[in-house]
PDB file of N, CA and C in Angstrom:
ATOM      1  N   MET A   1    -116.385  79.933 -25.552  1.00  0.00           N
ATOM      2  CA  MET A   1    -115.080  79.922 -24.944  1.00  0.00           C
ATOM      3  C   MET A   1    -115.137  80.509 -23.534  1.00  0.00           C
ATOM      4  N   LYS A   2    -115.860  81.597 -23.379  1.00  0.00           N
ATOM      5  CA  LYS A   2    -115.986  82.223 -22.067  1.00  0.00           C
ATOM      6  C   LYS A   2    -116.712  81.284 -21.098  1.00  0.00           C
ATOM      7  N   THR A   3    -117.727  80.581 -21.593  1.00  0.00           N
ATOM      8  CA  THR A   3    -118.465  79.632 -20.765  1.00  0.00           C
ATOM      9  C   THR A   3    -117.546  78.501 -20.313  1.00  0.00           C
ATOM     10  N   THR A   4    -116.704  78.016 -21.203  1.00  0.00           N
ATOM     11  CA  THR A   4    -115.771  76.948 -20.862  1.00  0.00           C
ATOM     12  C   THR A   4    -114.814  77.411 -19.772  1.00  0.00           C
ATOM     13  N   LYS A   5    -114.299  78.616 -19.907  1.00  0.00           N
ATOM     14  CA  LYS A   5    -113.388  79.143 -18.892  1.00  0.00           C
ATOM     15  C   LYS A   5    -114.102  79.291 -17.553  1.00  0.00           C
ATOM     16  N   THR A   6    -115.338  79.746 -17.587  1.00  0.00           N
ATOM     17  CA  THR A   6    -116.109  79.915 -16.364  1.00  0.00           C
ATOM     18  C   THR A   6    -116.351  78.568 -15.689  1.00  0.00           C
ATOM     19  N   LEU A   7    -116.709  77.557 -16.482  1.00  0.00           N
ATOM     20  CA  LEU A   7    -116.940  76.221 -15.922  1.00  0.00           C
ATOM     21  C   LEU A   7    -115.659  75.627 -15.352  1.00  0.00           C
ATOM     22  N   LEU A   8    -114.556  75.800 -16.066  1.00  0.00           N
ATOM     23  CA  LEU A   8    -113.279  75.298 -15.588  1.00  0.00           C
ATOM     24  C   LEU A   8    -112.875  75.988 -14.289  1.00  0.00           C
ATOM     25  N   LEU A   9    -113.074  77.285 -14.219  1.00  0.00           N
ATOM     26  CA  LEU A   9    -112.766  78.029 -13.004  1.00  0.00           C
ATOM     27  C   LEU A   9    -113.629  77.550 -11.841  1.00  0.00           C
ATOM     28  N   ALA A  10    -114.902  77.312 -12.098  1.00  0.00           N
ATOM     29  CA  ALA A  10    -115.802  76.828 -11.053  1.00  0.00           C
ATOM     30  C   ALA A  10    -115.376  75.439 -10.572  1.00  0.00           C
ATOM     31  N   LEU A  11    -114.991  74.574 -11.506  1.00  0.00           N
ATOM     32  CA  LEU A  11    -114.539  73.233 -11.145  1.00  0.00           C
ATOM     33  C   LEU A  11    -113.250  73.309 -10.331  1.00  0.00           C
ATOM     34  N   LEU A  12    -112.324  74.119 -10.761  1.00  0.00           N
ATOM     35  CA  LEU A  12    -111.065  74.273 -10.041  1.00  0.00           C
ATOM     36  C   LEU A  12    -111.293  74.831  -8.642  1.00  0.00           C
ATOM     37  N   THR A  13    -112.158  75.818  -8.527  1.00  0.00           N
ATOM     38  CA  THR A  13    -112.477  76.402  -7.221  1.00  0.00           C
ATOM     39  C   THR A  13    -113.077  75.357  -6.299  1.00  0.00           C
ATOM     40  N   THR A  14    -113.997  74.570  -6.818  1.00  0.00           N
ATOM     41  CA  THR A  14    -114.626  73.512  -6.028  1.00  0.00           C
ATOM     42  C   THR A  14    -113.595  72.504  -5.553  1.00  0.00           C
ATOM     43  N   LEU A  15    -112.716  72.099  -6.461  1.00  0.00           N
ATOM     44  CA  LEU A  15    -111.687  71.141  -6.081  1.00  0.00           C
ATOM     45  C   LEU A  15    -110.733  71.710  -5.035  1.00  0.00           C
ATOM     46  N   LEU A  16    -110.346  72.950  -5.215  1.00  0.00           N
ATOM     47  CA  LEU A  16    -109.437  73.568  -4.259  1.00  0.00           C
ATOM     48  C   LEU A  16    -110.081  73.687  -2.879  1.00  0.00           C
ATOM     49  N   LEU A  17    -111.331  74.061  -2.855  1.00  0.00           N
ATOM     50  CA  LEU A  17    -112.026  74.178  -1.571  1.00  0.00           C
ATOM     51  C   LEU A  17    -112.176  72.818  -0.910  1.00  0.00           C
ATOM     52  N   SER A  18    -112.474  71.804  -1.686  1.00  0.00           N
ATOM     53  CA  SER A  18    -112.611  70.473  -1.107  1.00  0.00           C
ATOM     54  C   SER A  18    -111.261  69.934  -0.662  1.00  0.00           C
ATOM     55  N   ALA A  19    -110.190  70.316  -1.363  1.00  0.00           N
ATOM     56  CA  ALA A  19    -108.844  69.891  -0.957  1.00  0.00           C
ATOM     57  C   ALA A  19    -108.476  70.503   0.386  1.00  0.00           C
ATOM     58  N   CYS A  20    -108.927  71.700   0.617  1.00  0.00           N
ATOM     59  CA  CYS A  20    -108.625  72.372   1.886  1.00  0.00           C
ATOM     60  C   CYS A  20    -109.434  71.810   3.040  1.00  0.00           C
ATOM     61  N   SER A  21    -110.563  71.236   2.757  1.00  0.00           N
ATOM     62  CA  SER A  21    -111.431  70.751   3.824  1.00  0.00           C
ATOM     63  C   SER A  21    -110.939  69.453   4.441  1.00  0.00           C
ATOM     64  N   GLY A  22    -110.092  68.715   3.719  1.00  0.00           N
ATOM     65  CA  GLY A  22    -109.588  67.451   4.225  1.00  0.00           C
ATOM     66  C   GLY A  22    -110.600  66.332   4.174  1.00  0.00           C
ATOM     67  N   GLU A  23    -111.740  66.569   3.565  1.00  0.00           N
ATOM     68  CA  GLU A  23    -112.789  65.560   3.506  1.00  0.00           C
ATOM     69  C   GLU A  23    -113.000  65.077   2.079  1.00  0.00           C
ATOM     70  N   ASP A  24    -111.917  64.996   1.304  1.00  0.00           N
ATOM     71  CA  ASP A  24    -112.021  64.540  -0.081  1.00  0.00           C
ATOM     72  C   ASP A  24    -112.526  63.111  -0.159  1.00  0.00           C
ATOM     73  N   GLU A  25    -113.326  62.873  -1.154  1.00  0.00           N
ATOM     74  CA  GLU A  25    -113.702  61.509  -1.452  1.00  0.00           C
ATOM     75  C   GLU A  25    -112.520  60.870  -2.165  1.00  0.00           C
ATOM     76  N   VAL A  26    -112.131  59.704  -1.736  1.00  0.00           N
ATOM     77  CA  VAL A  26    -111.000  59.032  -2.358  1.00  0.00           C
ATOM     78  C   VAL A  26    -111.459  58.459  -3.693  1.00  0.00           C
ATOM     79  N   ARG A  27    -110.736  58.844  -4.731  1.00  0.00           N
ATOM     80  CA  ARG A  27    -111.020  58.378  -6.091  1.00  0.00           C
ATOM     81  C   ARG A  27    -109.980  57.345  -6.489  1.00  0.00           C
ATOM     82  N   SER A  28    -110.413  56.314  -7.183  1.00  0.00           N
ATOM     83  CA  SER A  28    -109.499  55.253  -7.611  1.00  0.00           C
ATOM     84  C   SER A  28    -108.724  55.671  -8.854  1.00  0.00           C
ATOM     85  N   LYS A  29    -107.668  54.919  -9.139  1.00  0.00           N
ATOM     86  CA  LYS A  29    -106.902  55.137 -10.358  1.00  0.00           C
ATOM     87  C   LYS A  29    -107.824  55.010 -11.574  1.00  0.00           C
ATOM     88  N   ASP A  30    -108.677  54.008 -11.566  1.00  0.00           N
ATOM     89  CA  ASP A  30    -109.602  53.807 -12.685  1.00  0.00           C
ATOM     90  C   ASP A  30    -110.560  54.988 -12.843  1.00  0.00           C
ATOM     91  N   TRP A  31    -111.020  55.540 -11.729  1.00  0.00           N
ATOM     92  CA  TRP A  31    -111.911  56.708 -11.805  1.00  0.00           C
ATOM     93  C   TRP A  31    -111.183  57.864 -12.471  1.00  0.00           C
ATOM     94  N   PHE A  32    -109.934  58.104 -12.053  1.00  0.00           N
ATOM     95  CA  PHE A  32    -109.167  59.192 -12.646  1.00  0.00           C
ATOM     96  C   PHE A  32    -108.917  58.963 -14.131  1.00  0.00           C
ATOM     97  N   ILE A  33    -108.735  57.712 -14.537  1.00  0.00           N
ATOM     98  CA  ILE A  33    -108.515  57.421 -15.961  1.00  0.00           C
ATOM     99  C   ILE A  33    -109.748  57.794 -16.777  1.00  0.00           C
ATOM    100  N   THR A  34    -110.915  57.526 -16.252  1.00  0.00           N
ATOM    101  CA  THR A  34    -112.148  57.817 -17.000  1.00  0.00           C
ATOM    102  C   THR A  34    -112.661  59.243 -16.794  1.00  0.00           C
ATOM    103  N   HIS A  35    -112.019  59.988 -15.929  1.00  0.00           N
ATOM    104  CA  HIS A  35    -112.376  61.392 -15.679  1.00  0.00           C
ATOM    105  C   HIS A  35    -111.108  62.242 -15.810  1.00  0.00           C
ATOM    106  N   SER A  36    -110.616  62.337 -17.034  1.00  0.00           N
ATOM    107  CA  SER A  36    -109.295  62.929 -17.258  1.00  0.00           C
ATOM    108  C   SER A  36    -109.202  64.408 -16.875  1.00  0.00           C
ATOM    109  N   ALA A  37    -110.272  65.157 -16.982  1.00  0.00           N
ATOM    110  CA  ALA A  37    -110.218  66.572 -16.594  1.00  0.00           C
ATOM    111  C   ALA A  37    -109.996  66.692 -15.086  1.00  0.00           C
ATOM    112  N   GLU A  38    -110.722  65.905 -14.313  1.00  0.00           N
ATOM    113  CA  GLU A  38    -110.557  65.925 -12.864  1.00  0.00           C
ATOM    114  C   GLU A  38    -109.186  65.386 -12.469  1.00  0.00           C
ATOM    115  N   GLN A  39    -108.700  64.396 -13.223  1.00  0.00           N
ATOM    116  CA  GLN A  39    -107.372  63.827 -12.955  1.00  0.00           C
ATOM    117  C   GLN A  39    -106.304  64.890 -13.152  1.00  0.00           C
ATOM    118  N   ALA A  40    -106.423  65.660 -14.225  1.00  0.00           N
ATOM    119  CA  ALA A  40    -105.437  66.712 -14.506  1.00  0.00           C
ATOM    120  C   ALA A  40    -105.449  67.770 -13.402  1.00  0.00           C
ATOM    121  N   ILE A  41    -106.620  68.125 -12.930  1.00  0.00           N
ATOM    122  CA  ILE A  41    -106.731  69.119 -11.855  1.00  0.00           C
ATOM    123  C   ILE A  41    -106.137  68.567 -10.562  1.00  0.00           C
ATOM    124  N   GLN A  42    -106.476  67.324 -10.228  1.00  0.00           N
ATOM    125  CA  GLN A  42    -105.928  66.706  -9.009  1.00  0.00           C
ATOM    126  C   GLN A  42    -104.413  66.616  -9.087  1.00  0.00           C
ATOM    127  N   LEU A  43    -103.894  66.226 -10.227  1.00  0.00           N
ATOM    128  CA  LEU A  43    -102.453  66.118 -10.401  1.00  0.00           C
ATOM    129  C   LEU A  43    -101.778  67.479 -10.234  1.00  0.00           C
ATOM    130  N   ASP A  44    -102.400  68.508 -10.756  1.00  0.00           N
ATOM    131  CA  ASP A  44    -101.863  69.859 -10.610  1.00  0.00           C
ATOM    132  C   ASP A  44    -101.840  70.276  -9.139  1.00  0.00           C
ATOM    133  N   ILE A  45    -102.910  69.979  -8.420  1.00  0.00           N
ATOM    134  CA  ILE A  45    -102.966  70.280  -6.985  1.00  0.00           C
ATOM    135  C   ILE A  45    -101.849  69.530  -6.257  1.00  0.00           C
ATOM    136  N   CYS A  46    -101.662  68.266  -6.595  1.00  0.00           N
ATOM    137  CA  CYS A  46    -100.637  67.453  -5.937  1.00  0.00           C
ATOM    138  C   CYS A  46     -99.236  67.986  -6.218  1.00  0.00           C
ATOM    139  N   ARG A  47     -99.004  68.450  -7.424  1.00  0.00           N
ATOM    140  CA  ARG A  47     -97.684  68.967  -7.790  1.00  0.00           C
ATOM    141  C   ARG A  47     -97.390  70.302  -7.105  1.00  0.00           C
ATOM    142  N   HIS A  48     -98.432  71.098  -6.881  1.00  0.00           N
ATOM    143  CA  HIS A  48     -98.234  72.398  -6.249  1.00  0.00           C
ATOM    144  C   HIS A  48     -98.294  72.337  -4.722  1.00  0.00           C
ATOM    145  N   ARG A  49     -98.739  71.217  -4.196  1.00  0.00           N
ATOM    146  CA  ARG A  49     -98.810  71.046  -2.730  1.00  0.00           C
ATOM    147  C   ARG A  49     -98.148  69.716  -2.367  1.00  0.00           C
ATOM    148  N   PRO A  50     -96.813  69.683  -2.345  1.00  0.00           N
ATOM    149  CA  PRO A  50     -96.078  68.432  -2.107  1.00  0.00           C
ATOM    150  C   PRO A  50     -96.486  67.703  -0.821  1.00  0.00           C
ATOM    151  N   GLN A  51     -97.004  68.431   0.149  1.00  0.00           N
ATOM    152  CA  GLN A  51     -97.427  67.785   1.393  1.00  0.00           C
ATOM    153  C   GLN A  51     -98.589  66.814   1.164  1.00  0.00           C
ATOM    154  N   LEU A  52     -99.247  66.920   0.010  1.00  0.00           N
ATOM    155  CA  LEU A  52    -100.352  66.013  -0.313  1.00  0.00           C
ATOM    156  C   LEU A  52     -99.908  64.795  -1.113  1.00  0.00           C
ATOM    157  N   SER A  53     -98.625  64.703  -1.435  1.00  0.00           N
ATOM    158  CA  SER A  53     -98.148  63.670  -2.362  1.00  0.00           C
ATOM    159  C   SER A  53     -98.438  62.241  -1.913  1.00  0.00           C
ATOM    160  N   GLU A  54     -98.574  62.013  -0.621  1.00  0.00           N
ATOM    161  CA  GLU A  54     -98.829  60.664  -0.117  1.00  0.00           C
ATOM    162  C   GLU A  54    -100.307  60.395   0.170  1.00  0.00           C
ATOM    163  N   THR A  55    -101.186  61.327  -0.216  1.00  0.00           N
ATOM    164  CA  THR A  55    -102.617  61.094  -0.012  1.00  0.00           C
ATOM    165  C   THR A  55    -103.125  60.129  -1.086  1.00  0.00           C
ATOM    166  N   PRO A  56    -104.189  59.397  -0.793  1.00  0.00           N
ATOM    167  CA  PRO A  56    -104.701  58.434  -1.776  1.00  0.00           C
ATOM    168  C   PRO A  56    -105.036  59.064  -3.137  1.00  0.00           C
ATOM    169  N   ASN A  57    -105.647  60.258  -3.134  1.00  0.00           N
ATOM    170  CA  ASN A  57    -106.008  60.860  -4.416  1.00  0.00           C
ATOM    171  C   ASN A  57    -104.778  61.258  -5.227  1.00  0.00           C
ATOM    172  N   CYS A  58    -103.731  61.725  -4.578  1.00  0.00           N
ATOM    173  CA  CYS A  58    -102.507  62.068  -5.312  1.00  0.00           C
ATOM    174  C   CYS A  58    -101.832  60.813  -5.847  1.00  0.00           C
ATOM    175  N   ILE A  59    -101.789  59.784  -5.034  1.00  0.00           N
ATOM    176  CA  ILE A  59    -101.199  58.523  -5.477  1.00  0.00           C
ATOM    177  C   ILE A  59    -101.977  57.969  -6.671  1.00  0.00           C
ATOM    178  N   ASN A  60    -103.302  57.976  -6.580  1.00  0.00           N
ATOM    179  CA  ASN A  60    -104.123  57.432  -7.663  1.00  0.00           C
ATOM    180  C   ASN A  60    -104.098  58.300  -8.921  1.00  0.00           C
ATOM    181  N   ALA A  61    -104.076  59.618  -8.756  1.00  0.00           N
ATOM    182  CA  ALA A  61    -103.988  60.506  -9.916  1.00  0.00           C
ATOM    183  C   ALA A  61    -102.649  60.332 -10.630  1.00  0.00           C
ATOM    184  N   THR A  62    -101.596  60.141  -9.858  1.00  0.00           N
ATOM    185  CA  THR A  62    -100.270  59.920 -10.436  1.00  0.00           C
ATOM    186  C   THR A  62    -100.219  58.573 -11.159  1.00  0.00           C
ATOM    187  N   ALA A  63    -100.800  57.554 -10.554  1.00  0.00           N
ATOM    188  CA  ALA A  63    -100.845  56.238 -11.200  1.00  0.00           C
ATOM    189  C   ALA A  63    -101.649  56.307 -12.501  1.00  0.00           C
ATOM    190  N   ALA A  64    -102.737  57.050 -12.476  1.00  0.00           N
ATOM    191  CA  ALA A  64    -103.542  57.222 -13.697  1.00  0.00           C
ATOM    192  C   ALA A  64    -102.741  57.945 -14.766  1.00  0.00           C
ATOM    193  N   GLU A  65    -101.938  58.916 -14.357  1.00  0.00           N
ATOM    194  CA  GLU A  65    -101.107  59.666 -15.305  1.00  0.00           C
ATOM    195  C   GLU A  65    -100.144  58.737 -16.038  1.00  0.00           C
ATOM    196  N   GLU A  66     -99.597  57.772 -15.328  1.00  0.00           N
ATOM    197  CA  GLU A  66     -98.680  56.818 -15.953  1.00  0.00           C
ATOM    198  C   GLU A  66     -99.394  56.005 -17.038  1.00  0.00           C
ATOM    199  N   ILE A  67    -100.627  55.642 -16.787  1.00  0.00           N
ATOM    200  CA  ILE A  67    -101.417  54.920 -17.799  1.00  0.00           C
ATOM    201  C   ILE A  67    -101.745  55.851 -18.961  1.00  0.00           C
ATOM    202  N   LEU A  68    -102.179  57.065 -18.639  1.00  0.00           N
ATOM    203  CA  LEU A  68    -102.608  58.015 -19.669  1.00  0.00           C
ATOM    204  C   LEU A  68    -101.465  58.488 -20.564  1.00  0.00           C
ATOM    205  N   LYS A  69    -100.228  58.383 -20.108  1.00  0.00           N
ATOM    206  CA  LYS A  69     -99.066  58.763 -20.919  1.00  0.00           C
ATOM    207  C   LYS A  69     -98.796  57.756 -22.034  1.00  0.00           C
ATOM    208  N   GLN A  70     -99.342  56.590 -21.896  1.00  0.00           N
ATOM    209  CA  GLN A  70     -99.072  55.526 -22.849  1.00  0.00           C
ATOM    210  C   GLN A  70     -99.849  55.746 -24.149  1.00  0.00           C
ATOM    211  N   SER A  71     -99.567  54.904 -25.112  1.00  0.00           N
ATOM    212  CA  SER A  71    -100.208  55.035 -26.422  1.00  0.00           C
ATOM    213  C   SER A  71    -101.711  54.779 -26.334  1.00  0.00           C
ATOM    214  N   HIS A  72    -102.415  55.258 -27.317  1.00  0.00           N
ATOM    215  CA  HIS A  72    -103.874  55.110 -27.386  1.00  0.00           C
ATOM    216  C   HIS A  72    -104.273  53.631 -27.317  1.00  0.00           C
ATOM    217  N   GLU A  73    -103.537  52.771 -28.006  1.00  0.00           N
ATOM    218  CA  GLU A  73    -103.866  51.343 -28.023  1.00  0.00           C
ATOM    219  C   GLU A  73    -103.729  50.721 -26.632  1.00  0.00           C
ATOM    220  N   VAL A  74    -102.687  51.118 -25.900  1.00  0.00           N
ATOM    221  CA  VAL A  74    -102.480  50.592 -24.555  1.00  0.00           C
ATOM    222  C   VAL A  74    -103.608  51.052 -23.638  1.00  0.00           C
ATOM    223  N   ILE A  75    -103.999  52.308 -23.769  1.00  0.00           N
ATOM    224  CA  ILE A  75    -105.091  52.840 -22.945  1.00  0.00           C
ATOM    225  C   ILE A  75    -106.394  52.106 -23.250  1.00  0.00           C
ATOM    226  N   GLN A  76    -106.689  51.913 -24.521  1.00  0.00           N
ATOM    227  CA  GLN A  76    -107.914  51.216 -24.889  1.00  0.00           C
ATOM    228  C   GLN A  76    -107.918  49.784 -24.354  1.00  0.00           C
ATOM    229  N   ALA A  77    -106.772  49.108 -24.403  1.00  0.00           N
ATOM    230  CA  ALA A  77    -106.677  47.753 -23.863  1.00  0.00           C
ATOM    231  C   ALA A  77    -106.898  47.756 -22.354  1.00  0.00           C
ATOM    232  N   TYR A  78    -106.343  48.749 -21.664  1.00  0.00           N
ATOM    233  CA  TYR A  78    -106.525  48.863 -20.211  1.00  0.00           C
ATOM    234  C   TYR A  78    -107.994  49.085 -19.883  1.00  0.00           C
ATOM    235  N   VAL A  79    -108.626  50.010 -20.583  1.00  0.00           N
ATOM    236  CA  VAL A  79    -110.034  50.321 -20.348  1.00  0.00           C
ATOM    237  C   VAL A  79    -110.894  49.080 -20.571  1.00  0.00           C
ATOM    238  N   LYS A  80    -110.623  48.367 -21.650  1.00  0.00           N
ATOM    239  CA  LYS A  80    -111.399  47.159 -21.947  1.00  0.00           C
ATOM    240  C   LYS A  80    -111.163  46.082 -20.887  1.00  0.00           C
ATOM    241  N   LYS A  81    -109.904  45.870 -20.508  1.00  0.00           N
ATOM    242  CA  LYS A  81    -109.564  44.834 -19.529  1.00  0.00           C
ATOM    243  C   LYS A  81    -110.241  45.094 -18.189  1.00  0.00           C
ATOM    244  N   HIS A  82    -110.325  46.354 -17.803  1.00  0.00           N
ATOM    245  CA  HIS A  82    -110.899  46.704 -16.506  1.00  0.00           C
ATOM    246  C   HIS A  82    -112.369  47.116 -16.597  1.00  0.00           C
ATOM    247  N   SER A  83    -112.967  46.914 -17.739  1.00  0.00           N
ATOM    248  CA  SER A  83    -114.395  47.220 -17.953  1.00  0.00           C
ATOM    249  C   SER A  83    -114.745  48.633 -17.516  1.00  0.00           C
ATOM    250  N   LEU A  84    -113.907  49.591 -17.904  1.00  0.00           N
ATOM    251  CA  LEU A  84    -114.159  50.986 -17.560  1.00  0.00           C
ATOM    252  C   LEU A  84    -115.021  51.618 -18.636  1.00  0.00           C
ATOM    253  N   ASN A  85    -115.901  52.508 -18.203  1.00  0.00           N
ATOM    254  CA  ASN A  85    -116.788  53.167 -19.141  1.00  0.00           C
ATOM    255  C   ASN A  85    -116.916  54.624 -18.729  1.00  0.00           C
ATOM    256  N   ASN A  86    -116.566  55.529 -19.618  1.00  0.00           N
ATOM    257  CA  ASN A  86    -116.584  56.953 -19.308  1.00  0.00           C
ATOM    258  C   ASN A  86    -118.007  57.510 -19.164  1.00  0.00           C
ATOM    259  N   SER A  87    -119.000  56.752 -19.506  1.00  0.00           N
ATOM    260  CA  SER A  87    -120.363  57.261 -19.404  1.00  0.00           C
ATOM    261  C   SER A  87    -120.920  57.171 -17.979  1.00  0.00           C
ATOM    262  N   GLN A  88    -120.082  56.815 -17.001  1.00  0.00           N
ATOM    263  CA  GLN A  88    -120.517  56.675 -15.620  1.00  0.00           C
ATOM    264  C   GLN A  88    -120.601  57.995 -14.889  1.00  0.00           C
ATOM    265  N   LYS A  89    -120.346  59.109 -15.513  1.00  0.00           N
ATOM    266  CA  LYS A  89    -120.329  60.436 -14.862  1.00  0.00           C
ATOM    267  C   LYS A  89    -121.624  60.763 -14.187  1.00  0.00           C
TER     268      LYS A  89
END
């Protein structure tokens, strides 16, 4: 449990630092769907920093959230239709 918290803190710190640098790599909606932990962090950053709401990563993380809110069957159909695979990490 402590290791998980440490890893999550390190990931959050990295994301926050990269958000401040202005040199974020733009991630697609599909990328955020297959990387739900990063999507949740990006969405949290976007919600706490409204000035970022129109950036590509905030737009794509929000769009991914709309897909992820849907039922499991809808998500699986979306993943299959778009040939997404979570093993691309």
